[in-house]
Amino acid sequence: MTSAHEDDRVRLHAVVYGLVQGVNFRANTQREAVQHGLTGWVANRSDGTVEVVAEGARSRVEAFERYLYRGPRLAEVERVDSTYDRASGQFGGFNIRY
């Protein structure tokens, strides 16, 4: 049984650094988010990082965040800068932004 705190809906904002573009990071991140039942988006940034916003139950978002630290097989994640806030509920799914 989970506590009410673990099921609070939260928003994760993360920036992933390293070799994270050109390795299917966005597609795999989208797949992982959908498997966790999350909403939000993922996008490449011009500086070579990947930005992620994900919302859902705290326990599911935390599990998803652990994925960001490893990424897909060809990725080489150096670090993840992340912050948590309250979920906004503004997303209908989890999309790749271009």
N, C-alpha and C. Protein backbone atom coordinates (compact mmCIF):
# COMPACT_ATOMS: atom_id res chain seq x y z
N MET A 1 0.84 -1.18 0.00
CA MET A 1 0.00 0.00 0.00
C MET A 1 0.88 1.24 0.00
N THR A 2 0.57 2.20 -0.85
CA THR A 2 1.37 3.42 -0.93
C THR A 2 0.75 4.50 -0.07
N SER A 3 1.58 5.39 0.40
CA SER A 3 1.08 6.51 1.19
C SER A 3 0.53 7.58 0.25
N ALA A 4 -0.26 8.49 0.80
CA ALA A 4 -0.81 9.58 0.00
C ALA A 4 0.31 10.41 -0.60
N HIS A 5 1.42 10.57 0.13
CA HIS A 5 2.55 11.36 -0.37
C HIS A 5 3.13 10.76 -1.64
N GLU A 6 3.24 9.44 -1.70
CA GLU A 6 3.82 8.78 -2.87
C GLU A 6 2.93 8.92 -4.10
N ASP A 7 1.62 9.10 -3.89
CA ASP A 7 0.69 9.19 -5.01
C ASP A 7 0.37 10.63 -5.39
N ASP A 8 0.97 11.61 -4.71
CA ASP A 8 0.79 13.01 -5.10
C ASP A 8 1.22 13.17 -6.55
N ARG A 9 0.49 13.98 -7.29
CA ARG A 9 0.86 14.25 -8.69
C ARG A 9 1.90 15.36 -8.70
N VAL A 10 3.00 15.10 -9.39
CA VAL A 10 4.12 16.04 -9.44
C VAL A 10 4.54 16.28 -10.89
N ARG A 11 5.33 17.35 -11.05
CA ARG A 11 5.94 17.66 -12.35
C ARG A 11 7.45 17.59 -12.18
N LEU A 12 8.08 16.85 -13.05
CA LEU A 12 9.54 16.78 -13.13
C LEU A 12 9.98 17.62 -14.31
N HIS A 13 10.94 18.49 -14.08
CA HIS A 13 11.59 19.20 -15.18
C HIS A 13 13.05 18.79 -15.12
N ALA A 14 13.56 18.19 -16.20
CA ALA A 14 14.93 17.68 -16.21
C ALA A 14 15.64 18.09 -17.49
N VAL A 15 16.95 18.31 -17.35
CA VAL A 15 17.83 18.53 -18.49
C VAL A 15 18.91 17.46 -18.39
N VAL A 16 19.05 16.70 -19.47
CA VAL A 16 19.98 15.57 -19.50
C VAL A 16 21.19 15.95 -20.34
N TYR A 17 22.39 15.77 -19.76
CA TYR A 17 23.65 16.15 -20.39
C TYR A 17 24.44 14.91 -20.79
N GLY A 18 25.25 15.05 -21.80
CA GLY A 18 26.12 13.97 -22.26
C GLY A 18 25.86 13.69 -23.73
N LEU A 19 26.16 12.47 -24.15
CA LEU A 19 25.86 12.04 -25.52
C LEU A 19 24.41 11.57 -25.52
N VAL A 20 23.49 12.52 -25.75
CA VAL A 20 22.06 12.23 -25.61
C VAL A 20 21.25 12.62 -26.85
N GLN A 21 21.91 13.15 -27.86
CA GLN A 21 21.23 13.43 -29.12
C GLN A 21 21.79 12.50 -30.19
N GLY A 22 20.93 12.06 -31.09
CA GLY A 22 21.35 11.15 -32.15
C GLY A 22 21.46 9.70 -31.70
N VAL A 23 20.89 9.38 -30.53
CA VAL A 23 20.96 8.02 -29.99
C VAL A 23 19.56 7.50 -29.63
N ASN A 24 18.54 8.07 -30.26
CA ASN A 24 17.14 7.70 -30.01
C ASN A 24 16.68 8.00 -28.58
N PHE A 25 17.29 9.00 -27.98
CA PHE A 25 16.94 9.35 -26.60
C PHE A 25 15.48 9.80 -26.50
N ARG A 26 15.05 10.67 -27.41
CA ARG A 26 13.67 11.19 -27.33
C ARG A 26 12.64 10.08 -27.50
N ALA A 27 12.81 9.24 -28.50
CA ALA A 27 11.84 8.16 -28.75
C ALA A 27 11.78 7.19 -27.59
N ASN A 28 12.94 6.84 -27.06
CA ASN A 28 12.97 5.91 -25.92
C ASN A 28 12.42 6.55 -24.66
N THR A 29 12.66 7.84 -24.48
CA THR A 29 12.11 8.55 -23.33
C THR A 29 10.60 8.62 -23.42
N GLN A 30 10.08 8.87 -24.61
CA GLN A 30 8.64 8.89 -24.80
C GLN A 30 8.05 7.52 -24.46
N ARG A 31 8.64 6.47 -24.95
CA ARG A 31 8.17 5.11 -24.69
C ARG A 31 8.18 4.82 -23.18
N GLU A 32 9.25 5.19 -22.53
CA GLU A 32 9.38 4.96 -21.08
C GLU A 32 8.31 5.74 -20.31
N ALA A 33 8.08 6.98 -20.71
CA ALA A 33 7.07 7.81 -20.03
C ALA A 33 5.68 7.20 -20.19
N VAL A 34 5.36 6.76 -21.39
CA VAL A 34 4.05 6.15 -21.64
C VAL A 34 3.89 4.89 -20.80
N GLN A 35 4.94 4.09 -20.69
CA GLN A 35 4.87 2.86 -19.87
C GLN A 35 4.62 3.19 -18.41
N HIS A 36 5.07 4.36 -17.96
CA HIS A 36 4.85 4.78 -16.57
C HIS A 36 3.55 5.57 -16.40
N GLY A 37 2.81 5.76 -17.50
CA GLY A 37 1.55 6.47 -17.42
C GLY A 37 1.70 7.96 -17.21
N LEU A 38 2.78 8.55 -17.72
CA LEU A 38 3.07 9.97 -17.51
C LEU A 38 2.64 10.81 -18.70
N THR A 39 2.47 12.09 -18.46
CA THR A 39 2.20 13.05 -19.52
C THR A 39 3.34 14.07 -19.53
N GLY A 40 3.47 14.79 -20.66
CA GLY A 40 4.51 15.81 -20.76
C GLY A 40 5.15 15.81 -22.13
N TRP A 41 6.45 16.09 -22.17
CA TRP A 41 7.16 16.15 -23.45
C TRP A 41 8.66 15.99 -23.26
N VAL A 42 9.33 15.73 -24.39
CA VAL A 42 10.79 15.64 -24.45
C VAL A 42 11.25 16.36 -25.70
N ALA A 43 12.38 17.07 -25.63
CA ALA A 43 12.87 17.83 -26.78
C ALA A 43 14.39 17.94 -26.72
N ASN A 44 15.00 17.93 -27.92
CA ASN A 44 16.42 18.27 -28.03
C ASN A 44 16.56 19.77 -27.86
N ARG A 45 17.66 20.20 -27.24
CA ARG A 45 17.96 21.62 -27.13
C ARG A 45 19.18 21.92 -28.00
N SER A 46 19.31 23.17 -28.38
CA SER A 46 20.38 23.56 -29.29
C SER A 46 21.77 23.37 -28.71
N ASP A 47 21.88 23.27 -27.38
CA ASP A 47 23.19 23.09 -26.74
C ASP A 47 23.62 21.63 -26.63
N GLY A 48 22.84 20.70 -27.23
CA GLY A 48 23.20 19.29 -27.21
C GLY A 48 22.57 18.50 -26.07
N THR A 49 21.83 19.16 -25.21
CA THR A 49 21.14 18.47 -24.12
C THR A 49 19.74 18.06 -24.55
N VAL A 50 19.10 17.29 -23.70
CA VAL A 50 17.70 16.92 -23.90
C VAL A 50 16.92 17.42 -22.70
N GLU A 51 15.80 18.08 -22.97
CA GLU A 51 14.94 18.62 -21.91
C GLU A 51 13.68 17.76 -21.81
N VAL A 52 13.26 17.50 -20.58
CA VAL A 52 12.11 16.65 -20.33
C VAL A 52 11.20 17.29 -19.29
N VAL A 53 9.91 17.28 -19.55
CA VAL A 53 8.90 17.65 -18.56
C VAL A 53 7.96 16.46 -18.47
N ALA A 54 7.76 15.94 -17.26
CA ALA A 54 6.89 14.78 -17.07
C ALA A 54 6.03 14.98 -15.84
N GLU A 55 4.76 14.61 -15.95
CA GLU A 55 3.83 14.72 -14.84
C GLU A 55 3.15 13.38 -14.58
N GLY A 56 2.88 13.13 -13.30
CA GLY A 56 2.18 11.91 -12.92
C GLY A 56 2.33 11.69 -11.43
N ALA A 57 1.94 10.50 -11.00
CA ALA A 57 2.08 10.13 -9.59
C ALA A 57 3.56 10.17 -9.20
N ARG A 58 3.85 10.68 -8.03
CA ARG A 58 5.24 10.85 -7.59
C ARG A 58 6.06 9.57 -7.76
N SER A 59 5.54 8.44 -7.33
CA SER A 59 6.33 7.20 -7.40
C SER A 59 6.66 6.84 -8.85
N ARG A 60 5.74 7.09 -9.77
CA ARG A 60 5.98 6.78 -11.18
C ARG A 60 6.96 7.78 -11.81
N VAL A 61 6.85 9.04 -11.43
CA VAL A 61 7.78 10.05 -11.96
C VAL A 61 9.20 9.78 -11.45
N GLU A 62 9.32 9.40 -10.19
CA GLU A 62 10.65 9.07 -9.65
C GLU A 62 11.26 7.87 -10.36
N ALA A 63 10.45 6.86 -10.66
CA ALA A 63 10.96 5.70 -11.41
C ALA A 63 11.40 6.12 -12.81
N PHE A 64 10.62 6.97 -13.44
CA PHE A 64 10.96 7.48 -14.77
C PHE A 64 12.25 8.29 -14.72
N GLU A 65 12.42 9.09 -13.68
CA GLU A 65 13.65 9.89 -13.55
C GLU A 65 14.88 8.99 -13.49
N ARG A 66 14.77 7.86 -12.85
CA ARG A 66 15.92 6.94 -12.79
C ARG A 66 16.31 6.49 -14.20
N TYR A 67 15.32 6.32 -15.09
CA TYR A 67 15.62 5.96 -16.47
C TYR A 67 16.48 7.04 -17.13
N LEU A 68 16.18 8.32 -16.86
CA LEU A 68 16.92 9.42 -17.50
C LEU A 68 18.41 9.36 -17.19
N TYR A 69 18.79 8.79 -16.06
CA TYR A 69 20.20 8.70 -15.69
C TYR A 69 20.96 7.65 -16.51
N ARG A 70 20.25 6.76 -17.19
CA ARG A 70 20.93 5.77 -18.03
C ARG A 70 20.59 5.95 -19.50
N GLY A 71 19.33 6.30 -19.83
CA GLY A 71 18.93 6.51 -21.21
C GLY A 71 18.99 5.23 -22.02
N PRO A 72 18.84 5.35 -23.33
CA PRO A 72 18.90 4.17 -24.20
C PRO A 72 20.34 3.63 -24.29
N ARG A 73 20.47 2.49 -24.89
CA ARG A 73 21.75 1.76 -24.95
C ARG A 73 22.92 2.59 -25.46
N LEU A 74 22.73 3.40 -26.49
CA LEU A 74 23.84 4.15 -27.08
C LEU A 74 24.13 5.48 -26.38
N ALA A 75 23.28 5.89 -25.46
CA ALA A 75 23.48 7.17 -24.77
C ALA A 75 24.61 7.06 -23.75
N GLU A 76 25.23 8.20 -23.49
CA GLU A 76 26.23 8.31 -22.43
C GLU A 76 25.85 9.52 -21.58
N VAL A 77 25.01 9.27 -20.57
CA VAL A 77 24.51 10.34 -19.73
C VAL A 77 25.60 10.76 -18.74
N GLU A 78 25.93 12.05 -18.76
CA GLU A 78 26.92 12.60 -17.83
C GLU A 78 26.27 13.08 -16.55
N ARG A 79 25.11 13.76 -16.69
CA ARG A 79 24.40 14.23 -15.51
C ARG A 79 22.98 14.61 -15.88
N VAL A 80 22.14 14.68 -14.86
CA VAL A 80 20.75 15.10 -15.02
C VAL A 80 20.48 16.17 -13.98
N ASP A 81 20.09 17.35 -14.44
CA ASP A 81 19.65 18.42 -13.53
C ASP A 81 18.14 18.38 -13.49
N SER A 82 17.57 18.16 -12.31
CA SER A 82 16.12 18.03 -12.24
C SER A 82 15.53 18.79 -11.07
N THR A 83 14.30 19.23 -11.26
CA THR A 83 13.54 19.89 -10.20
C THR A 83 12.13 19.31 -10.21
N TYR A 84 11.49 19.37 -9.06
CA TYR A 84 10.10 18.90 -8.91
C TYR A 84 9.22 20.07 -8.51
N ASP A 85 7.98 20.00 -8.98
CA ASP A 85 6.97 21.00 -8.64
C ASP A 85 5.62 20.29 -8.65
N ARG A 86 4.56 21.04 -8.41
CA ARG A 86 3.22 20.46 -8.51
C ARG A 86 2.87 20.24 -9.97
N ALA A 87 2.14 19.18 -10.24
CA ALA A 87 1.67 18.92 -11.60
C ALA A 87 0.65 19.96 -12.00
N SER A 88 0.66 20.35 -13.26
CA SER A 88 -0.29 21.33 -13.78
C SER A 88 -1.51 20.67 -14.40
N GLY A 89 -1.34 19.43 -14.86
CA GLY A 89 -2.43 18.73 -15.51
C GLY A 89 -2.71 19.22 -16.93
N GLN A 90 -1.77 19.97 -17.50
CA GLN A 90 -2.01 20.59 -18.80
C GLN A 90 -1.77 19.68 -20.00
N PHE A 91 -1.18 18.52 -19.81
CA PHE A 91 -0.80 17.66 -20.94
C PHE A 91 -1.80 16.51 -21.11
N GLY A 92 -2.08 16.19 -22.37
CA GLY A 92 -3.00 15.09 -22.66
C GLY A 92 -2.28 13.78 -22.96
N GLY A 93 -0.99 13.83 -23.16
CA GLY A 93 -0.18 12.66 -23.48
C GLY A 93 1.27 13.01 -23.28
N PHE A 94 2.17 12.18 -23.80
CA PHE A 94 3.60 12.46 -23.72
C PHE A 94 4.14 12.55 -25.13
N ASN A 95 4.61 13.73 -25.51
CA ASN A 95 4.99 14.00 -26.90
C ASN A 95 6.46 14.34 -27.06
N ILE A 96 6.95 14.10 -28.28
CA ILE A 96 8.27 14.58 -28.67
C ILE A 96 8.06 15.94 -29.30
N ARG A 97 8.81 16.91 -28.80
CA ARG A 97 8.75 18.26 -29.39
C ARG A 97 9.93 18.43 -30.32
N TYR A 98 9.66 19.07 -31.47
CA TYR A 98 10.69 19.29 -32.48
C TYR A 98 10.97 20.77 -32.62
